[in-house]
Amino acid sequence: METVVICFDTNVVLDTILRREPHRAVATRLVYAVEESIISGQLGATTLTTVYYIVQREYTAEEARRDVRDLLQTFNVAPVQRRVLENAAQSNFSDYEDAVLHEAARESGADGIVTRNTDDFAPATLSIHTPRELVHGIDGSLSF
């Protein structure tokens, strides 16, 4: 069986790094699933810059760089090129950042996106899952 490729929305990544409750446990379980190759995890390139910006404001630049390095060791990166940005600008998404993530994930062959903001991804052509739904899918051996 081929490994399912899931692109992580920034909010899910930040839930683990910033230890945001009540979301931390489920998000951490998903990161563990990536580390154990149960699923293949992917981040949009812009997620890394956003994580750095937010973490260095909350903590320190050194901690932010460490977190980015850790993410780069764990996740693949969905590139954000001109075509991704143009397609996102022409999409029906109300939020451009979400549109960019969706287009980057789609272009890089992801099977779905995990986010706490599923309503924001209503126009998506990929499958969209909450972290809890994805954990249940992993527990049930992921049949999308």
Foldseek 3Di string as FASTA:
>chain_A
DDAAEEEEDLVLLCCCVVVDPPNNVLSVVVLVCLVVSLHAYEYEPVSLVVQQVVVCVVDNNVVSVVSSVVCVVRHHYQYQDPVLQVQLVVFPQPDSVVSSRLSSCVVVPHQEYEDPCVVSCVRHPHDYHHSVRVVVCSVVSHDD
